[in-house]
Amino acid sequence: MKLLGKKSACKIFFGYLPSVVLIYILAVYALIRQDANRDDAQQADVIIVFGAAQYNGRPSPVFKARLDHSADLFHENLSTRIITTGGHGVDLRFTEADVGKSYLIQQDVPASNIDTEASGLTTLGSIQRILEFLRIQGTNRVIAVSDGFHLFRIKQIFLDHQVIAYGSPAKNSPIEANLKSRLWASLREVGGYTIYLARRIIHRSI
């Protein structure tokens, strides 16, 4: 009887597991798309532009869309400071953060109002460095600018560190404008968020 009970439990567990996983994926995907389609930018201490590829010192179309949107928010007086992020890519002559700063200066954002964070190699790494900056400044309200699919995870990481993050998706994002790339990026972000969540749970349990 005990053996039969174990077999039944295994059948139930493995029978329902695919459904549970599918429901989880769909739920997280829905949350990602919800934040991707919502702009809740408002007055904050700093605007954070998350980096993307640069080519020979010029922002890629994806990065340019993020920077243009950040410049618009700055000129709308939603914040007096901008932080550009992103380290070296294939081209070791430039960092995404420095390329972003140079581009913003061309968009009439004063250099003195722009800080750079070029040491973080991942979204989490960049945010961890920014958190140090925010603690020193004594601030905790930011506008996070990136492609829409990216914002759910960004906001959750900030929330886990008691920082209020207003998501503001980049207008004219080449990724969000294309159905196939939008779908793929959002599904990939389900994995990115799941990895972050797992690490967060493990860290809390140690």
C-alpha atoms as a PDB file:
ATOM      1  CA  MET A   1       0.000   0.000   0.000  1.00  0.00           C
ATOM      2  CA  LYS A   2       2.817   2.349   0.865  1.00  0.00           C
ATOM      3  CA  LEU A   3       4.467   1.613  -2.486  1.00  0.00           C
ATOM      4  CA  LEU A   4       1.194   2.230  -4.298  1.00  0.00           C
ATOM      5  CA  GLY A   5       0.780   5.509  -2.418  1.00  0.00           C
ATOM      6  CA  LYS A   6       4.250   6.687  -3.460  1.00  0.00           C
ATOM      7  CA  LYS A   7       3.613   5.742  -7.080  1.00  0.00           C
ATOM      8  CA  SER A   8       0.324   7.631  -7.079  1.00  0.00           C
ATOM      9  CA  ALA A   9       1.956  10.681  -5.539  1.00  0.00           C
ATOM     10  CA  CYS A  10       4.697  10.617  -8.185  1.00  0.00           C
ATOM     11  CA  LYS A  11       2.136  10.305 -10.972  1.00  0.00           C
ATOM     12  CA  ILE A  12       0.166  13.250  -9.617  1.00  0.00           C
ATOM     13  CA  PHE A  13       3.308  15.355  -9.117  1.00  0.00           C
ATOM     14  CA  PHE A  14       4.792  14.724 -12.558  1.00  0.00           C
ATOM     15  CA  GLY A  15       1.375  14.832 -14.166  1.00  0.00           C
ATOM     16  CA  TYR A  16       0.626  18.311 -12.865  1.00  0.00           C
ATOM     17  CA  LEU A  17       4.179  19.704 -13.001  1.00  0.00           C
ATOM     18  CA  PRO A  18       4.071  20.702 -16.713  1.00  0.00           C
ATOM     19  CA  SER A  19       0.793  22.532 -16.107  1.00  0.00           C
ATOM     20  CA  VAL A  20       2.200  24.353 -13.072  1.00  0.00           C
ATOM     21  CA  VAL A  21       5.302  25.383 -15.027  1.00  0.00           C
ATOM     22  CA  LEU A  22       3.171  26.607 -17.944  1.00  0.00           C
ATOM     23  CA  ILE A  23       0.913  28.621 -15.632  1.00  0.00           C
ATOM     24  CA  TYR A  24       4.010  30.182 -13.994  1.00  0.00           C
ATOM     25  CA  ILE A  25       5.501  31.131 -17.372  1.00  0.00           C
ATOM     26  CA  LEU A  26       2.238  32.656 -18.567  1.00  0.00           C
ATOM     27  CA  ALA A  27       1.735  34.568 -15.303  1.00  0.00           C
ATOM     28  CA  VAL A  28       5.246  36.074 -15.311  1.00  0.00           C
ATOM     29  CA  TYR A  29       4.969  36.821 -19.034  1.00  0.00           C
ATOM     30  CA  ALA A  30       1.715  38.690 -18.372  1.00  0.00           C
ATOM     31  CA  LEU A  31       3.373  40.753 -15.614  1.00  0.00           C
ATOM     32  CA  ILE A  32       6.302  41.556 -17.911  1.00  0.00           C
ATOM     33  CA  ARG A  33       4.003  42.732 -20.682  1.00  0.00           C
ATOM     34  CA  GLN A  34       1.892  44.728 -18.239  1.00  0.00           C
ATOM     35  CA  ASP A  35       4.911  46.777 -17.167  1.00  0.00           C
ATOM     36  CA  ALA A  36       6.147  46.969 -20.759  1.00  0.00           C
ATOM     37  CA  ASN A  37       2.974  48.797 -21.755  1.00  0.00           C
ATOM     38  CA  ARG A  38       2.790  51.140 -18.779  1.00  0.00           C
ATOM     39  CA  ASP A  39       4.685  54.394 -18.298  1.00  0.00           C
ATOM     40  CA  ASP A  40       4.514  55.548 -14.687  1.00  0.00           C
ATOM     41  CA  ALA A  41       7.318  58.121 -14.850  1.00  0.00           C
ATOM     42  CA  GLN A  42       6.946  60.892 -12.311  1.00  0.00           C
ATOM     43  CA  GLN A  43       9.131  63.216 -10.256  1.00  0.00           C
ATOM     44  CA  ALA A  44      12.165  61.301  -9.009  1.00  0.00           C
ATOM     45  CA  ASP A  45      15.704  61.802  -7.730  1.00  0.00           C
ATOM     46  CA  VAL A  46      17.428  60.340 -10.773  1.00  0.00           C
ATOM     47  CA  ILE A  47      16.733  58.873 -14.214  1.00  0.00           C
ATOM     48  CA  ILE A  48      18.597  55.620 -14.856  1.00  0.00           C
ATOM     49  CA  VAL A  49      19.238  54.613 -18.466  1.00  0.00           C
ATOM     50  CA  PHE A  50      20.050  50.934 -18.841  1.00  0.00           C
ATOM     51  CA  GLY A  51      22.757  50.333 -21.409  1.00  0.00           C
ATOM     52  CA  ALA A  52      22.616  48.479 -24.702  1.00  0.00           C
ATOM     53  CA  ALA A  53      25.071  47.917 -27.516  1.00  0.00           C
ATOM     54  CA  GLN A  54      27.190  50.701 -28.956  1.00  0.00           C
ATOM     55  CA  TYR A  55      29.017  50.690 -32.271  1.00  0.00           C
ATOM     56  CA  ASN A  56      32.289  52.568 -32.645  1.00  0.00           C
ATOM     57  CA  GLY A  57      31.279  55.101 -30.020  1.00  0.00           C
ATOM     58  CA  ARG A  58      27.720  55.524 -31.211  1.00  0.00           C
ATOM     59  CA  PRO A  59      24.625  54.065 -29.543  1.00  0.00           C
ATOM     60  CA  SER A  60      22.849  51.216 -31.307  1.00  0.00           C
ATOM     61  CA  PRO A  61      19.230  51.875 -32.363  1.00  0.00           C
ATOM     62  CA  VAL A  62      18.029  50.144 -29.176  1.00  0.00           C
ATOM     63  CA  PHE A  63      20.315  52.233 -26.943  1.00  0.00           C
ATOM     64  CA  LYS A  64      19.495  55.426 -28.860  1.00  0.00           C
ATOM     65  CA  ALA A  65      15.769  54.915 -28.212  1.00  0.00           C
ATOM     66  CA  ARG A  66      16.454  54.602 -24.487  1.00  0.00           C
ATOM     67  CA  LEU A  67      18.683  57.677 -24.447  1.00  0.00           C
ATOM     68  CA  ASP A  68      16.245  59.797 -26.460  1.00  0.00           C
ATOM     69  CA  HIS A  69      13.464  58.897 -24.051  1.00  0.00           C
ATOM     70  CA  SER A  70      15.653  59.709 -21.042  1.00  0.00           C
ATOM     71  CA  ALA A  71      16.549  63.087 -22.527  1.00  0.00           C
ATOM     72  CA  ASP A  72      12.844  63.819 -22.997  1.00  0.00           C
ATOM     73  CA  LEU A  73      12.139  62.968 -19.351  1.00  0.00           C
ATOM     74  CA  PHE A  74      15.001  65.222 -18.268  1.00  0.00           C
ATOM     75  CA  HIS A  75      13.723  68.128 -20.350  1.00  0.00           C
ATOM     76  CA  GLU A  76      10.252  67.553 -18.886  1.00  0.00           C
ATOM     77  CA  ASN A  77      11.886  68.300 -15.511  1.00  0.00           C
ATOM     78  CA  LEU A  78      11.030  64.933 -13.980  1.00  0.00           C
ATOM     79  CA  SER A  79      14.568  64.781 -12.571  1.00  0.00           C
ATOM     80  CA  THR A  80      17.742  66.861 -12.574  1.00  0.00           C
ATOM     81  CA  ARG A  81      20.121  63.896 -12.819  1.00  0.00           C
ATOM     82  CA  ILE A  82      20.682  61.014 -15.214  1.00  0.00           C
ATOM     83  CA  ILE A  83      22.822  57.913 -14.704  1.00  0.00           C
ATOM     84  CA  THR A  84      23.940  56.002 -17.794  1.00  0.00           C
ATOM     85  CA  THR A  85      24.955  52.388 -17.321  1.00  0.00           C
ATOM     86  CA  GLY A  86      26.802  49.684 -19.219  1.00  0.00           C
ATOM     87  CA  GLY A  87      30.367  48.446 -19.478  1.00  0.00           C
ATOM     88  CA  HIS A  88      32.623  47.402 -22.350  1.00  0.00           C
ATOM     89  CA  GLY A  89      31.261  45.251 -25.135  1.00  0.00           C
ATOM     90  CA  VAL A  90      33.345  43.823 -27.951  1.00  0.00           C
ATOM     91  CA  ASP A  91      34.905  47.242 -28.570  1.00  0.00           C
ATOM     92  CA  LEU A  92      37.142  47.906 -25.555  1.00  0.00           C
ATOM     93  CA  ARG A  93      37.654  51.547 -26.520  1.00  0.00           C
ATOM     94  CA  PHE A  94      34.214  52.561 -25.301  1.00  0.00           C
ATOM     95  CA  THR A  95      31.801  51.746 -22.516  1.00  0.00           C
ATOM     96  CA  GLU A  96      28.064  51.924 -23.049  1.00  0.00           C
ATOM     97  CA  ALA A  97      27.810  54.332 -20.112  1.00  0.00           C
ATOM     98  CA  ASP A  98      30.308  56.795 -21.621  1.00  0.00           C
ATOM     99  CA  VAL A  99      28.760  56.544 -25.081  1.00  0.00           C
ATOM    100  CA  GLY A 100      25.390  57.203 -23.478  1.00  0.00           C
ATOM    101  CA  LYS A 101      26.708  60.275 -21.674  1.00  0.00           C
ATOM    102  CA  SER A 102      28.256  61.700 -24.848  1.00  0.00           C
ATOM    103  CA  TYR A 103      25.005  61.206 -26.730  1.00  0.00           C
ATOM    104  CA  LEU A 104      22.932  62.858 -23.983  1.00  0.00           C
ATOM    105  CA  ILE A 105      25.236  65.877 -24.030  1.00  0.00           C
ATOM    106  CA  GLN A 106      24.438  66.210 -27.738  1.00  0.00           C
ATOM    107  CA  GLN A 107      20.753  66.228 -26.725  1.00  0.00           C
ATOM    108  CA  ASP A 108      21.359  69.331 -24.580  1.00  0.00           C
ATOM    109  CA  VAL A 109      21.664  67.538 -21.247  1.00  0.00           C
ATOM    110  CA  PRO A 110      24.474  69.275 -19.290  1.00  0.00           C
ATOM    111  CA  ALA A 111      27.485  67.035 -18.605  1.00  0.00           C
ATOM    112  CA  SER A 112      27.380  68.074 -14.937  1.00  0.00           C
ATOM    113  CA  ASN A 113      23.925  66.485 -14.637  1.00  0.00           C
ATOM    114  CA  ILE A 114      25.055  63.085 -15.916  1.00  0.00           C
ATOM    115  CA  ASP A 115      26.744  60.327 -13.917  1.00  0.00           C
ATOM    116  CA  THR A 116      28.043  57.073 -15.386  1.00  0.00           C
ATOM    117  CA  GLU A 117      28.123  53.528 -14.023  1.00  0.00           C
ATOM    118  CA  ALA A 118      30.334  51.419 -16.270  1.00  0.00           C
ATOM    119  CA  SER A 119      31.448  48.637 -13.921  1.00  0.00           C
ATOM    120  CA  GLY A 120      28.265  46.547 -13.864  1.00  0.00           C
ATOM    121  CA  LEU A 121      28.269  43.779 -16.470  1.00  0.00           C
ATOM    122  CA  THR A 122      24.647  42.717 -15.954  1.00  0.00           C
ATOM    123  CA  THR A 123      21.343  44.347 -15.030  1.00  0.00           C
ATOM    124  CA  LEU A 124      21.758  43.202 -11.428  1.00  0.00           C
ATOM    125  CA  GLY A 125      25.394  44.282 -11.343  1.00  0.00           C
ATOM    126  CA  SER A 126      24.530  47.775 -12.561  1.00  0.00           C
ATOM    127  CA  ILE A 127      21.696  48.117 -10.072  1.00  0.00           C
ATOM    128  CA  GLN A 128      23.916  47.019  -7.191  1.00  0.00           C
ATOM    129  CA  ARG A 129      26.390  49.805  -8.029  1.00  0.00           C
ATOM    130  CA  ILE A 130      23.566  52.308  -8.391  1.00  0.00           C
ATOM    131  CA  LEU A 131      22.180  51.303  -4.999  1.00  0.00           C
ATOM    132  CA  GLU A 132      25.506  52.296  -3.449  1.00  0.00           C
ATOM    133  CA  PHE A 133      25.261  55.684  -5.172  1.00  0.00           C
ATOM    134  CA  LEU A 134      21.678  56.173  -3.943  1.00  0.00           C
ATOM    135  CA  ARG A 135      22.636  55.336  -0.352  1.00  0.00           C
ATOM    136  CA  ILE A 136      25.439  57.901  -0.428  1.00  0.00           C
ATOM    137  CA  GLN A 137      23.063  60.513  -1.846  1.00  0.00           C
ATOM    138  CA  GLY A 138      20.308  59.570   0.596  1.00  0.00           C
ATOM    139  CA  THR A 139      17.761  59.110  -2.199  1.00  0.00           C
ATOM    140  CA  ASN A 140      15.373  56.291  -3.055  1.00  0.00           C
ATOM    141  CA  ARG A 141      13.144  57.316  -5.975  1.00  0.00           C
ATOM    142  CA  VAL A 142      14.279  56.566  -9.524  1.00  0.00           C
ATOM    143  CA  ILE A 143      12.892  56.452 -13.044  1.00  0.00           C
ATOM    144  CA  ALA A 144      14.117  53.316 -14.792  1.00  0.00           C
ATOM    145  CA  VAL A 145      14.388  53.626 -18.580  1.00  0.00           C
ATOM    146  CA  SER A 146      14.847  50.580 -20.755  1.00  0.00           C
ATOM    147  CA  ASP A 147      12.931  48.566 -23.322  1.00  0.00           C
ATOM    148  CA  GLY A 148       9.502  47.666 -22.003  1.00  0.00           C
ATOM    149  CA  PHE A 149      10.170  43.941 -21.602  1.00  0.00           C
ATOM    150  CA  HIS A 150      13.080  44.713 -19.256  1.00  0.00           C
ATOM    151  CA  LEU A 151      11.234  46.865 -16.733  1.00  0.00           C
ATOM    152  CA  PHE A 152       9.417  44.248 -14.642  1.00  0.00           C
ATOM    153  CA  ARG A 153      12.668  42.667 -13.444  1.00  0.00           C
ATOM    154  CA  ILE A 154      14.355  46.046 -12.931  1.00  0.00           C
ATOM    155  CA  LYS A 155      11.496  47.305 -10.780  1.00  0.00           C
ATOM    156  CA  GLN A 156      11.416  44.093  -8.729  1.00  0.00           C
ATOM    157  CA  ILE A 157      15.144  44.290  -7.986  1.00  0.00           C
ATOM    158  CA  PHE A 158      14.838  47.891  -6.829  1.00  0.00           C
ATOM    159  CA  LEU A 159      11.755  47.038  -4.772  1.00  0.00           C
ATOM    160  CA  ASP A 160      13.673  44.234  -3.035  1.00  0.00           C
ATOM    161  CA  HIS A 161      16.155  46.901  -1.913  1.00  0.00           C
ATOM    162  CA  GLN A 162      13.519  49.379  -0.708  1.00  0.00           C
ATOM    163  CA  VAL A 163      13.948  51.733  -3.661  1.00  0.00           C
ATOM    164  CA  ILE A 164      10.910  53.105  -5.496  1.00  0.00           C
ATOM    165  CA  ALA A 165      11.383  52.627  -9.244  1.00  0.00           C
ATOM    166  CA  TYR A 166       9.010  54.157 -11.772  1.00  0.00           C
ATOM    167  CA  GLY A 167       9.219  52.273 -15.061  1.00  0.00           C
ATOM    168  CA  SER A 168       9.321  54.280 -18.262  1.00  0.00           C
ATOM    169  CA  PRO A 169       9.635  52.201 -21.454  1.00  0.00           C
ATOM    170  CA  ALA A 170      11.671  53.676 -24.283  1.00  0.00           C
ATOM    171  CA  LYS A 171       9.536  55.048 -27.079  1.00  0.00           C
ATOM    172  CA  ASN A 172      10.389  53.861 -30.585  1.00  0.00           C
ATOM    173  CA  SER A 173      12.130  50.736 -29.266  1.00  0.00           C
ATOM    174  CA  PRO A 174      13.114  48.559 -32.261  1.00  0.00           C
ATOM    175  CA  ILE A 175      12.597  45.462 -30.107  1.00  0.00           C
ATOM    176  CA  GLU A 176       9.131  46.389 -28.898  1.00  0.00           C
ATOM    177  CA  ALA A 177       8.078  47.494 -32.393  1.00  0.00           C
ATOM    178  CA  ASN A 178       8.640  44.021 -33.858  1.00  0.00           C
ATOM    179  CA  LEU A 179       6.240  41.251 -32.791  1.00  0.00           C
ATOM    180  CA  LYS A 180       8.760  38.417 -33.094  1.00  0.00           C
ATOM    181  CA  SER A 181      11.573  40.208 -31.249  1.00  0.00           C
ATOM    182  CA  ARG A 182       9.133  41.465 -28.600  1.00  0.00           C
ATOM    183  CA  LEU A 183       7.828  37.951 -27.969  1.00  0.00           C
ATOM    184  CA  TRP A 184      11.285  36.417 -27.831  1.00  0.00           C
ATOM    185  CA  ALA A 185      12.708  39.147 -25.567  1.00  0.00           C
ATOM    186  CA  SER A 186       9.764  38.846 -23.168  1.00  0.00           C
ATOM    187  CA  LEU A 187      10.008  35.046 -22.973  1.00  0.00           C
ATOM    188  CA  ARG A 188      13.748  35.312 -22.373  1.00  0.00           C
ATOM    189  CA  GLU A 189      13.011  37.816 -19.624  1.00  0.00           C
ATOM    190  CA  VAL A 190      10.811  35.202 -17.907  1.00  0.00           C
ATOM    191  CA  GLY A 191      14.009  33.164 -17.578  1.00  0.00           C
ATOM    192  CA  GLY A 192      16.023  36.170 -16.429  1.00  0.00           C
ATOM    193  CA  TYR A 193      13.514  37.013 -13.729  1.00  0.00           C
ATOM    194  CA  THR A 194      13.271  33.364 -12.615  1.00  0.00           C
ATOM    195  CA  ILE A 195      17.053  33.139 -12.208  1.00  0.00           C
ATOM    196  CA  TYR A 196      17.059  36.366 -10.180  1.00  0.00           C
ATOM    197  CA  LEU A 197      14.166  35.131  -8.031  1.00  0.00           C
ATOM    198  CA  ALA A 198      15.867  31.787  -7.362  1.00  0.00           C
ATOM    199  CA  ARG A 199      19.101  33.496  -6.335  1.00  0.00           C
ATOM    200  CA  ARG A 200      17.181  35.874  -4.094  1.00  0.00           C
ATOM    201  CA  ILE A 201      15.402  32.990  -2.336  1.00  0.00           C
ATOM    202  CA  ILE A 202      18.656  31.047  -1.897  1.00  0.00           C
ATOM    203  CA  HIS A 203      20.412  34.132  -0.530  1.00  0.00           C
ATOM    204  CA  ARG A 204      17.649  34.718   2.004  1.00  0.00           C
ATOM    205  CA  SER A 205      17.776  31.096   3.171  1.00  0.00           C
ATOM    206  CA  ILE A 206      21.528  31.081   3.832  1.00  0.00           C
END
